[in-house]
Amino acid sequence: MRKSGLLLHISALPNDYGIGSMGKEAYEFVDYLVLCGQKIWQVLPLSPTSYGDSPYQSFSVFAGNPYFISLEALEERGLLQPAEYKSLVWRKSARDIDYGLLYEQIFPVLKLAFTRFMKNPDAEYAEWLEKNKHWVREYGLFMALKAAHDGEPWNEWEAPLRFREAAAIAEAKKTYATEMDFWCFVQYEFYREWFLLKQYANEHGIEIIGDIPIYCALDSVDVWCSPELFLLDENRNPTVVAGFPPDGFSPDGQLWGNPIYDWARMEEDHYAWWVERIRFSKTIYDTVRIDHFIGFNSYYAIPAGSKTAHGGTWCEGPKYPLFAEIKKQTGRGGIIAEDLGIITPAVRKLLKQCGYPGMKVLQFGFEPDSDYLPQNYLSPDCVVYTGTHDNETVAGWVKNVPKKTLRFCKEYLGVRKNAEIPWAFVVLAWKSTARTAVTTIQDLCGYGNEARINTPSTLGINWRWRAVPEDFSEETAVKLKHLTEIANR
């Protein structure tokens, strides 16, 4: 079935509390998708953000972001009083997320809700803790210990805790029992709200595409609890880190800094860690987009301590045996492969073996022989994007692209004015043979790079953009719905 939709992260939804949440604005966005005639809502990772405010660098691959909890929903549940959160200053600009301000404000408010909740917990709470025991209690302990160590990464904690010595862990669980309970409550509330929102979306014909990073952050409960699954030295520091060699995005490449999996060790237990991660992801999303899929075929390993991505080496990844195990244990389908980057014959072979749809980004397409230009799609089993969270907006791309490429783009699209190109991209994506087409609110509105979500290999300017109510106009909805109908999506 041909379908289409919008990419907009929870963080970018409008409200008065500094960052988008799973409150009424999320439900209103689902209604807007329906008004636009769409079938898909794509989000970025729901994980808590850490270094650089990136959802791709998180304290846990299972946890949800506390910032997305609706304070109004907590009030409706009797866990907050209006003055306890409505009187606070949450933002300096409706268009910008101030993560420092959020960090200072949100947790004292959530602790008020936690105190009230624990006096009379929901009947389902104990059952939820049991169902999620494979991750949530350790996450609670990890976050409690981080607070006790003033936010220091776990590999800088004292040795007994860093190496998870049994006596030290047992003592910590006693000392920080209340703090652990707080973090477990936060996760319970996050997922309670998320599944209600997902149910509402599904009931209105909207499928949610989620996103999972290929790598874990070093400073995460995942690496702390399972160091044997990563390439670490005797002090549990990485020997090599992840990244990507110099390319069109960055002349120095991308130095992500994540520890790299010990794939040989993971193979010994049939990739149990990855299987559980995908199984969990398939419960919280209708379809899972796996970031940096080419890293499963071969990955770029950079010596730890490097200042740039120069000097790394390509190593063999787990290839198809990993995905054969995932299919065997979690079922077929439900996965999109982010296969952007250096697409070798081996990557194409792996994608074909897996049977996952790959991605086509139109901004990469304006060369006559490009694989990303719709006339060259070899199969409709793909997802076409006007741009992703890592790209410029289309209007920003138009300003910065070489003149030769821009001329070809205009000729191909049949437009004369630069301002016409963002909508022409949407039309091209929707009318392409790709079974699935996705654009962003920014490109629908024709915004420039002031609305860009992320610029790879930069810090301090990313993941901050937010929509405002005026971005969701009825005029745009009518226009997009008409296009969707004539494109048979």
Protein backbone atom coordinates (compact mmCIF):
# COMPACT_ATOMS: atom_id res chain seq x y z
CA MET A 1 0.00 0.00 0.00
CA ARG A 2 1.26 3.49 -0.88
CA LYS A 3 1.32 5.83 2.08
CA SER A 4 2.86 9.06 3.30
CA GLY A 5 3.38 11.15 6.38
CA LEU A 6 5.33 13.74 8.34
CA LEU A 7 8.54 13.64 10.36
CA LEU A 8 8.25 15.72 13.52
CA HIS A 9 9.87 14.78 16.81
CA ILE A 10 7.94 15.04 20.09
CA SER A 11 10.36 17.75 21.24
CA ALA A 12 9.30 20.06 18.39
CA LEU A 13 5.59 20.08 19.22
CA PRO A 14 4.31 23.45 20.48
CA ASN A 15 3.23 24.14 24.06
CA ASP A 16 3.98 26.52 26.95
CA TYR A 17 6.43 24.27 28.81
CA GLY A 18 9.71 24.55 26.96
CA ILE A 19 9.59 21.34 24.94
CA GLY A 20 6.95 19.26 23.20
CA SER A 21 5.24 16.59 25.25
CA MET A 22 2.81 13.70 24.97
CA GLY A 23 0.00 15.98 26.11
CA LYS A 24 -2.81 17.56 24.15
CA GLU A 25 -0.49 19.04 21.52
CA ALA A 26 0.56 15.51 20.49
CA TYR A 27 -3.07 14.46 20.10
CA GLU A 28 -3.73 17.62 18.11
CA PHE A 29 -0.87 16.72 15.80
CA VAL A 30 -2.42 13.30 15.19
CA ASP A 31 -5.65 15.12 14.30
CA TYR A 32 -3.68 17.34 11.94
CA LEU A 33 -2.16 14.32 10.21
CA VAL A 34 -5.67 12.99 9.67
CA LEU A 35 -6.76 16.38 8.30
CA CYS A 36 -3.80 16.23 5.88
CA GLY A 37 -4.81 12.75 4.73
CA GLN A 38 -1.62 11.18 6.06
CA LYS A 39 -0.97 7.70 7.47
CA ILE A 40 2.45 8.12 9.11
CA TRP A 41 3.97 10.02 12.00
CA GLN A 42 7.73 9.56 12.17
CA VAL A 43 9.61 10.50 15.33
CA LEU A 44 13.26 10.48 16.39
CA PRO A 45 14.50 8.30 19.28
CA LEU A 46 12.34 8.74 22.38
CA SER A 47 15.39 8.22 24.60
CA PRO A 48 16.56 10.65 27.31
CA THR A 49 19.07 13.10 25.91
CA SER A 50 22.54 13.45 27.39
CA TYR A 51 25.72 14.96 25.95
CA GLY A 52 24.93 17.52 23.26
CA ASP A 53 21.16 17.16 23.83
CA SER A 54 21.06 14.51 21.11
CA PRO A 55 18.48 11.71 21.21
CA TYR A 56 21.20 9.60 19.58
CA GLN A 57 23.36 9.89 22.74
CA SER A 58 21.28 8.55 25.60
CA PHE A 59 21.67 7.14 29.10
CA SER A 60 19.57 4.12 28.09
CA VAL A 61 18.35 2.44 24.91
CA PHE A 62 15.15 1.41 26.70
CA ALA A 63 14.22 4.50 28.72
CA GLY A 64 11.95 7.31 27.56
CA ASN A 65 12.73 11.02 27.80
CA PRO A 66 11.33 12.53 31.04
CA TYR A 67 11.00 15.90 29.27
CA PHE A 68 8.19 14.47 27.14
CA ILE A 69 5.93 13.70 30.11
CA SER A 70 2.87 15.95 30.02
CA LEU A 71 2.66 18.12 33.13
CA GLU A 72 -0.98 18.81 32.33
CA ALA A 73 -1.63 15.06 32.31
CA LEU A 74 -0.01 14.81 35.75
CA GLU A 75 -2.33 17.56 36.95
CA GLU A 76 -5.34 15.69 35.57
CA ARG A 77 -4.21 12.62 37.52
CA GLY A 78 -4.07 14.66 40.72
CA LEU A 79 -0.28 14.42 40.93
CA LEU A 80 0.42 18.13 40.41
CA GLN A 81 -1.23 21.39 41.35
CA PRO A 82 -1.42 24.04 38.58
CA ALA A 83 0.71 26.58 40.44
CA GLU A 84 3.49 24.01 40.90
CA TYR A 85 4.37 24.12 37.21
CA LYS A 86 2.38 26.85 35.46
CA SER A 87 4.04 29.60 37.50
CA LEU A 88 7.53 28.58 36.34
CA VAL A 89 9.47 30.02 33.40
CA TRP A 90 10.00 27.19 30.91
CA ARG A 91 11.24 28.97 27.82
CA LYS A 92 12.74 32.14 26.44
CA SER A 93 11.40 31.61 22.92
CA ALA A 94 8.51 29.64 21.48
CA ARG A 95 10.82 28.46 18.68
CA ASP A 96 13.75 27.30 20.82
CA ILE A 97 14.35 24.59 23.42
CA ASP A 98 16.51 25.74 26.33
CA TYR A 99 17.79 22.41 27.65
CA GLY A 100 19.64 23.97 30.57
CA LEU A 101 16.47 25.65 31.79
CA LEU A 102 14.48 22.47 31.30
CA TYR A 103 16.96 20.43 33.32
CA GLU A 104 16.70 22.86 36.23
CA GLN A 105 12.90 23.03 36.20
CA ILE A 106 11.53 19.61 35.30
CA PHE A 107 12.91 17.27 37.94
CA PRO A 108 11.74 19.13 41.07
CA VAL A 109 8.26 19.18 39.51
CA LEU A 110 8.36 15.48 38.64
CA LYS A 111 9.50 14.69 42.19
CA LEU A 112 6.39 16.41 43.54
CA ALA A 113 4.29 14.15 41.33
CA PHE A 114 6.32 11.11 42.42
CA THR A 115 5.77 11.84 46.12
CA ARG A 116 2.01 11.96 45.63
CA PHE A 117 2.02 8.90 43.36
CA MET A 118 3.85 6.71 45.86
CA LYS A 119 1.18 7.37 48.50
CA ASN A 120 -1.32 5.56 46.29
CA PRO A 121 0.36 3.93 43.27
CA ASP A 122 -1.65 2.85 40.27
CA ALA A 123 -2.83 -0.75 40.45
CA GLU A 124 -0.84 -1.50 37.30
CA TYR A 125 2.45 -0.12 38.63
CA ALA A 126 3.81 -3.29 40.24
CA GLU A 127 2.91 -5.32 37.16
CA TRP A 128 4.65 -2.80 34.91
CA LEU A 129 7.82 -2.97 37.03
CA GLU A 130 7.82 -6.75 36.78
CA LYS A 131 7.26 -6.69 33.02
CA ASN A 132 10.19 -4.28 32.56
CA LYS A 133 12.51 -5.74 35.16
CA HIS A 134 15.13 -6.54 32.51
CA TRP A 135 16.05 -2.83 32.37
CA VAL A 136 14.11 -0.42 34.55
CA ARG A 137 15.55 -1.09 38.03
CA GLU A 138 19.13 -0.96 36.76
CA TYR A 139 18.28 2.25 34.93
CA GLY A 140 16.91 3.67 38.19
CA LEU A 141 20.10 2.75 40.03
CA PHE A 142 22.27 4.19 37.26
CA MET A 143 20.47 7.52 37.29
CA ALA A 144 20.53 7.66 41.10
CA LEU A 145 24.28 7.06 41.10
CA LYS A 146 24.83 9.66 38.41
CA ALA A 147 23.03 12.20 40.60
CA ALA A 148 25.13 11.17 43.59
CA HIS A 149 28.29 11.66 41.51
CA ASP A 150 27.25 15.12 40.24
CA GLY A 151 26.60 13.77 36.77
CA GLU A 152 30.02 12.20 36.24
CA PRO A 153 30.09 9.35 33.70
CA TRP A 154 30.09 5.89 35.23
CA ASN A 155 33.62 5.07 34.03
CA GLU A 156 34.88 7.81 36.36
CA TRP A 157 33.11 6.45 39.46
CA GLU A 158 35.04 4.71 42.22
CA ALA A 159 36.21 1.24 41.21
CA PRO A 160 33.68 -0.85 43.21
CA LEU A 161 30.77 0.84 41.43
CA ARG A 162 32.52 1.22 38.10
CA PHE A 163 33.20 -2.53 38.04
CA ARG A 164 29.79 -3.36 39.57
CA GLU A 165 31.18 -5.31 42.50
CA ALA A 166 28.31 -7.20 44.13
CA ALA A 167 28.71 -5.71 47.61
CA ALA A 168 28.92 -2.15 46.29
CA ILE A 169 25.83 -2.61 44.10
CA ALA A 170 23.83 -4.13 46.96
CA GLU A 171 24.78 -1.25 49.25
CA ALA A 172 23.93 1.35 46.60
CA LYS A 173 20.47 -0.16 46.09
CA LYS A 174 19.79 0.30 49.81
CA THR A 175 21.25 3.80 49.99
CA TYR A 176 19.49 5.13 46.90
CA ALA A 177 16.25 3.14 47.10
CA THR A 178 14.00 6.23 47.05
CA GLU A 179 15.90 7.84 44.19
CA MET A 180 15.68 4.57 42.25
CA ASP A 181 11.94 4.51 42.85
CA PHE A 182 11.68 8.03 41.46
CA TRP A 183 13.36 7.11 38.18
CA CYS A 184 11.20 3.99 37.87
CA PHE A 185 8.09 6.13 38.36
CA VAL A 186 9.28 8.53 35.67
CA GLN A 187 9.60 5.64 33.22
CA TYR A 188 6.24 4.21 34.19
CA GLU A 189 4.57 7.56 33.58
CA PHE A 190 6.43 8.07 30.31
CA TYR A 191 5.30 4.76 28.88
CA ARG A 192 1.79 5.08 30.28
CA GLU A 193 1.41 8.33 28.34
CA TRP A 194 3.23 7.01 25.25
CA PHE A 195 1.03 3.95 24.80
CA LEU A 196 -2.13 6.03 25.25
CA LEU A 197 -0.88 8.38 22.52
CA LYS A 198 0.13 5.51 20.25
CA GLN A 199 -3.29 3.92 20.74
CA TYR A 200 -4.98 7.19 19.78
CA ALA A 201 -2.81 7.50 16.67
CA ASN A 202 -3.43 3.91 15.59
CA GLU A 203 -7.18 4.26 16.15
CA HIS A 204 -7.12 7.25 13.79
CA GLY A 205 -5.24 5.34 11.09
CA ILE A 206 -1.80 6.76 11.90
CA GLU A 207 1.22 4.46 12.01
CA ILE A 208 4.19 5.57 14.12
CA ILE A 209 7.67 5.10 12.70
CA GLY A 210 10.27 5.22 15.45
CA ASP A 211 14.03 5.47 15.30
CA ILE A 212 16.80 3.64 17.12
CA PRO A 213 20.49 4.54 16.99
CA ILE A 214 22.89 1.78 16.02
CA TYR A 215 25.20 2.61 18.94
CA CYS A 216 24.89 3.21 22.69
CA ALA A 217 26.42 6.15 24.49
CA LEU A 218 29.45 5.22 26.58
CA ASP A 219 27.83 6.93 29.57
CA SER A 220 24.82 4.66 29.59
CA VAL A 221 23.35 2.00 31.79
CA ASP A 222 23.62 -0.37 28.83
CA VAL A 223 27.43 -0.21 28.69
CA TRP A 224 27.77 -0.05 32.48
CA CYS A 225 25.72 -3.23 32.97
CA SER A 226 27.09 -5.19 29.98
CA PRO A 227 30.70 -4.08 29.42
CA GLU A 228 31.58 -7.49 27.99
CA LEU A 229 29.49 -6.67 24.91
CA PHE A 230 31.69 -3.70 23.97
CA LEU A 231 35.32 -3.17 22.96
CA LEU A 232 36.66 -1.78 26.25
CA ASP A 233 40.04 -1.99 27.99
CA GLU A 234 40.73 -3.34 31.48
CA ASN A 235 39.57 -0.01 33.00
CA ARG A 236 36.37 -0.16 30.94
CA ASN A 237 37.31 2.69 28.66
CA PRO A 238 36.80 2.28 24.90
CA THR A 239 39.70 1.06 22.80
CA VAL A 240 38.02 2.30 19.63
CA VAL A 241 35.02 4.55 19.05
CA ALA A 242 32.42 4.91 16.34
CA GLY A 243 32.22 7.50 13.61
CA PHE A 244 32.22 8.02 9.89
CA PRO A 245 35.04 9.01 7.53
CA PRO A 246 35.21 12.41 5.84
CA ASP A 247 32.37 12.93 3.36
CA GLY A 248 30.01 15.58 2.02
CA PHE A 249 28.69 16.34 5.49
CA SER A 250 32.07 16.97 7.10
CA PRO A 251 35.66 17.26 5.75
CA ASP A 252 36.96 15.83 9.05
CA GLY A 253 34.38 13.08 9.14
CA GLN A 254 32.06 12.40 12.03
CA LEU A 255 33.52 11.47 15.42
CA TRP A 256 30.55 10.10 17.35
CA GLY A 257 32.60 8.71 20.23
CA ASN A 258 30.34 5.74 21.01
CA PRO A 259 31.94 2.46 22.10
CA ILE A 260 31.78 -0.28 19.48
CA TYR A 261 30.14 -3.65 19.98
CA ASP A 262 32.16 -6.80 20.45
CA TRP A 263 30.27 -8.60 17.70
CA ALA A 264 32.13 -11.88 18.22
CA ARG A 265 31.00 -11.94 21.86
CA MET A 266 27.43 -11.02 20.89
CA GLU A 267 27.34 -13.89 18.42
CA GLU A 268 28.01 -16.38 21.25
CA ASP A 269 24.52 -15.87 22.75
CA HIS A 270 22.75 -15.42 19.39
CA TYR A 271 22.79 -11.63 19.66
CA ALA A 272 20.45 -11.72 22.68
CA TRP A 273 21.03 -8.04 23.56
CA TRP A 274 20.10 -6.86 20.06
CA VAL A 275 17.14 -9.22 19.82
CA GLU A 276 15.70 -7.84 23.05
CA ARG A 277 16.28 -4.27 21.89
CA ILE A 278 14.44 -4.85 18.61
CA ARG A 279 11.65 -6.78 20.33
CA PHE A 280 11.13 -3.86 22.73
CA SER A 281 11.27 -1.31 19.91
CA LYS A 282 8.63 -3.20 17.96
CA THR A 283 6.27 -2.85 20.92
CA ILE A 284 6.62 0.93 21.20
CA TYR A 285 6.60 1.67 17.45
CA ASP A 286 4.65 0.28 14.52
CA THR A 287 7.79 0.39 12.37
CA VAL A 288 11.39 0.77 13.52
CA ARG A 289 13.97 2.74 11.53
CA ILE A 290 17.46 1.45 12.34
CA ASP A 291 19.98 4.28 12.09
CA HIS A 292 23.28 3.75 10.20
CA PHE A 293 22.32 0.35 8.82
CA ILE A 294 25.51 0.15 6.77
CA GLY A 295 27.41 -0.20 10.07
CA PHE A 296 26.09 -3.76 10.36
CA ASN A 297 27.88 -4.68 7.15
CA SER A 298 31.10 -2.87 8.00
CA TYR A 299 31.82 -0.20 10.60
CA TYR A 300 34.35 2.57 10.94
CA ALA A 301 36.50 2.21 14.08
CA ILE A 302 38.50 5.25 15.22
CA PRO A 303 41.27 4.89 17.85
CA ALA A 304 40.03 6.17 21.21
CA GLY A 305 41.35 9.65 21.97
CA SER A 306 41.38 10.81 18.34
CA LYS A 307 40.38 14.43 17.73
CA THR A 308 38.84 13.81 14.29
CA ALA A 309 37.54 10.84 12.31
CA HIS A 310 40.74 10.68 10.25
CA GLY A 311 42.81 7.56 10.88
CA GLY A 312 39.95 5.13 11.40
CA THR A 313 39.69 1.71 9.81
CA TRP A 314 36.82 -0.27 8.29
CA CYS A 315 35.99 -3.52 10.08
CA GLU A 316 33.61 -6.36 9.27
CA GLY A 317 30.20 -6.15 10.94
CA PRO A 318 27.87 -9.00 11.93
CA LYS A 319 26.09 -8.94 8.55
CA TYR A 320 23.05 -11.13 7.93
CA PRO A 321 23.39 -13.61 10.86
CA LEU A 322 22.32 -10.82 13.25
CA PHE A 323 19.16 -10.07 11.28
CA ALA A 324 18.40 -13.73 10.73
CA GLU A 325 18.29 -14.08 14.51
CA ILE A 326 16.17 -10.94 14.86
CA LYS A 327 13.69 -12.29 12.29
CA LYS A 328 13.61 -15.68 13.98
CA GLN A 329 12.87 -14.26 17.42
CA THR A 330 10.86 -11.09 16.72
CA GLY A 331 9.16 -11.80 13.40
CA ARG A 332 9.61 -10.51 9.90
CA GLY A 333 9.05 -6.94 8.80
CA GLY A 334 8.47 -3.81 10.83
CA ILE A 335 11.94 -2.40 10.09
CA ILE A 336 13.31 0.35 7.82
CA ALA A 337 17.04 0.44 7.12
CA GLU A 338 18.77 3.83 7.10
CA ASP A 339 21.17 2.82 4.35
CA LEU A 340 22.63 6.26 3.63
CA GLY A 341 26.35 6.72 3.11
CA ILE A 342 28.76 4.52 1.19
CA ILE A 343 26.46 2.01 -0.49
CA THR A 344 28.68 -0.86 -1.62
CA PRO A 345 27.51 -4.04 -3.36
CA ALA A 346 27.86 -5.77 0.02
CA VAL A 347 25.43 -3.30 1.62
CA ARG A 348 22.96 -3.84 -1.20
CA LYS A 349 23.28 -7.58 -0.72
CA LEU A 350 22.64 -7.29 3.01
CA LEU A 351 19.59 -5.08 2.45
CA LYS A 352 18.20 -7.60 -0.04
CA GLN A 353 18.85 -10.51 2.33
CA CYS A 354 17.05 -8.71 5.14
CA GLY A 355 14.16 -7.63 2.93
CA TYR A 356 13.99 -4.22 4.62
CA PRO A 357 13.06 -1.07 2.70
CA GLY A 358 15.93 1.40 2.43
CA MET A 359 15.88 5.20 2.25
CA LYS A 360 16.03 7.73 -0.57
CA VAL A 361 16.78 11.37 0.26
CA LEU A 362 15.87 13.75 -2.55
CA GLN A 363 18.53 16.30 -1.57
CA PHE A 364 21.14 13.73 -2.60
CA GLY A 365 19.47 13.11 -5.93
CA PHE A 366 20.06 15.91 -8.37
CA GLU A 367 22.56 14.26 -10.64
CA PRO A 368 21.16 12.36 -13.65
CA ASP A 369 22.59 9.00 -12.54
CA SER A 370 21.93 9.34 -8.79
CA ASP A 371 20.28 6.43 -6.99
CA TYR A 372 18.27 9.00 -5.04
CA LEU A 373 16.52 10.45 -8.08
CA PRO A 374 13.08 8.80 -8.44
CA GLN A 375 13.63 7.74 -12.06
CA ASN A 376 16.44 5.48 -10.83
CA TYR A 377 14.63 3.68 -8.00
CA LEU A 378 15.12 -0.01 -8.74
CA SER A 379 12.27 -1.04 -6.47
CA PRO A 380 9.22 0.67 -4.93
CA ASP A 381 10.11 -1.00 -1.63
CA CYS A 382 11.80 2.10 -0.22
CA VAL A 383 11.04 5.24 1.78
CA VAL A 384 11.63 8.60 0.10
CA TYR A 385 12.33 11.74 2.14
CA THR A 386 12.59 15.38 1.13
CA GLY A 387 15.26 15.52 3.84
CA THR A 388 16.02 14.00 7.24
CA HIS A 389 16.91 15.45 10.65
CA ASP A 390 20.58 15.50 9.57
CA ASN A 391 19.93 17.47 6.38
CA GLU A 392 19.45 21.12 5.71
CA THR A 393 15.86 22.09 5.12
CA VAL A 394 15.08 22.10 1.40
CA ALA A 395 14.99 25.91 1.36
CA GLY A 396 18.37 25.95 3.12
CA TRP A 397 19.74 23.40 0.66
CA VAL A 398 18.62 25.61 -2.23
CA LYS A 399 20.70 28.51 -0.89
CA ASN A 400 23.86 26.45 -0.42
CA VAL A 401 23.85 23.91 -3.24
CA PRO A 402 26.25 24.45 -6.21
CA LYS A 403 24.72 26.50 -9.02
CA LYS A 404 25.06 23.65 -11.51
CA THR A 405 23.06 21.33 -9.24
CA LEU A 406 20.44 24.01 -8.64
CA ARG A 407 19.98 24.54 -12.38
CA PHE A 408 19.50 20.82 -12.94
CA CYS A 409 17.09 20.69 -9.98
CA LYS A 410 14.92 23.46 -11.40
CA GLU A 411 14.87 21.90 -14.84
CA TYR A 412 13.99 18.50 -13.41
CA LEU A 413 11.22 19.88 -11.20
CA GLY A 414 9.91 22.27 -13.84
CA VAL A 415 10.06 25.35 -11.59
CA ARG A 416 11.54 28.81 -12.10
CA LYS A 417 11.71 30.30 -8.60
CA ASN A 418 13.79 29.02 -5.70
CA ALA A 419 10.82 29.52 -3.38
CA GLU A 420 8.86 26.93 -5.36
CA ILE A 421 11.37 24.14 -4.77
CA PRO A 422 10.38 22.96 -1.23
CA TRP A 423 6.81 22.18 -2.30
CA ALA A 424 8.06 20.71 -5.59
CA PHE A 425 10.20 18.30 -3.52
CA VAL A 426 7.10 17.16 -1.66
CA VAL A 427 5.22 16.65 -4.95
CA LEU A 428 8.17 14.68 -6.38
CA ALA A 429 8.36 12.45 -3.30
CA TRP A 430 4.60 11.83 -3.21
CA LYS A 431 4.41 11.02 -6.95
CA SER A 432 7.48 8.77 -6.89
CA THR A 433 7.21 5.00 -7.09
CA ALA A 434 8.40 4.65 -3.48
CA ARG A 435 5.74 2.96 -1.37
CA THR A 436 6.33 5.39 1.47
CA ALA A 437 6.98 9.15 1.30
CA VAL A 438 7.87 11.41 4.22
CA THR A 439 8.48 15.14 4.57
CA THR A 440 8.92 17.55 7.45
CA ILE A 441 6.84 20.42 8.77
CA GLN A 442 9.81 22.67 7.97
CA ASP A 443 9.75 21.71 4.30
CA LEU A 444 5.97 21.98 4.12
CA CYS A 445 6.27 25.53 5.42
CA GLY A 446 9.30 26.33 3.22
CA TYR A 447 11.51 27.30 6.17
CA GLY A 448 15.24 27.89 5.80
CA ASN A 449 18.09 26.53 7.88
CA GLU A 450 16.96 28.49 10.91
CA ALA A 451 14.60 25.51 11.28
CA ARG A 452 17.26 22.84 10.78
CA ILE A 453 17.20 20.09 13.42
CA ASN A 454 20.80 18.87 13.39
CA THR A 455 24.11 19.72 11.76
CA PRO A 456 26.37 16.65 12.15
CA SER A 457 29.69 17.15 13.95
CA THR A 458 28.56 20.35 15.68
CA LEU A 459 27.46 21.04 19.26
CA GLY A 460 25.25 23.58 20.98
CA ILE A 461 22.99 24.49 18.06
CA ASN A 462 21.13 21.23 17.47
CA TRP A 463 17.85 19.55 18.45
CA ARG A 464 16.42 22.92 19.54
CA TRP A 465 13.89 23.92 16.87
CA ARG A 466 10.18 23.90 17.71
CA ALA A 467 7.05 24.38 15.70
CA VAL A 468 4.38 26.92 16.66
CA PRO A 469 0.61 26.48 16.19
CA GLU A 470 0.61 28.66 13.07
CA ASP A 471 2.75 26.08 11.26
CA PHE A 472 -0.21 23.68 11.16
CA SER A 473 -2.45 25.67 8.87
CA GLU A 474 -5.68 24.44 7.34
CA GLU A 475 -4.54 25.76 3.96
CA THR A 476 -1.46 23.52 4.03
CA ALA A 477 -3.58 20.57 5.17
CA VAL A 478 -5.97 20.95 2.25
CA LYS A 479 -3.08 21.27 -0.19
CA LEU A 480 -1.27 18.19 1.16
CA LYS A 481 -4.43 16.10 1.32
CA HIS A 482 -5.20 16.88 -2.33
CA LEU A 483 -1.66 15.89 -3.36
CA THR A 484 -1.94 12.70 -1.32
CA GLU A 485 -5.18 11.75 -3.04
CA ILE A 486 -3.93 12.31 -6.60
CA ALA A 487 -0.67 10.47 -5.75
CA ASN A 488 -2.76 7.53 -4.48
CA ARG A 489 -1.23 7.52 -1.03
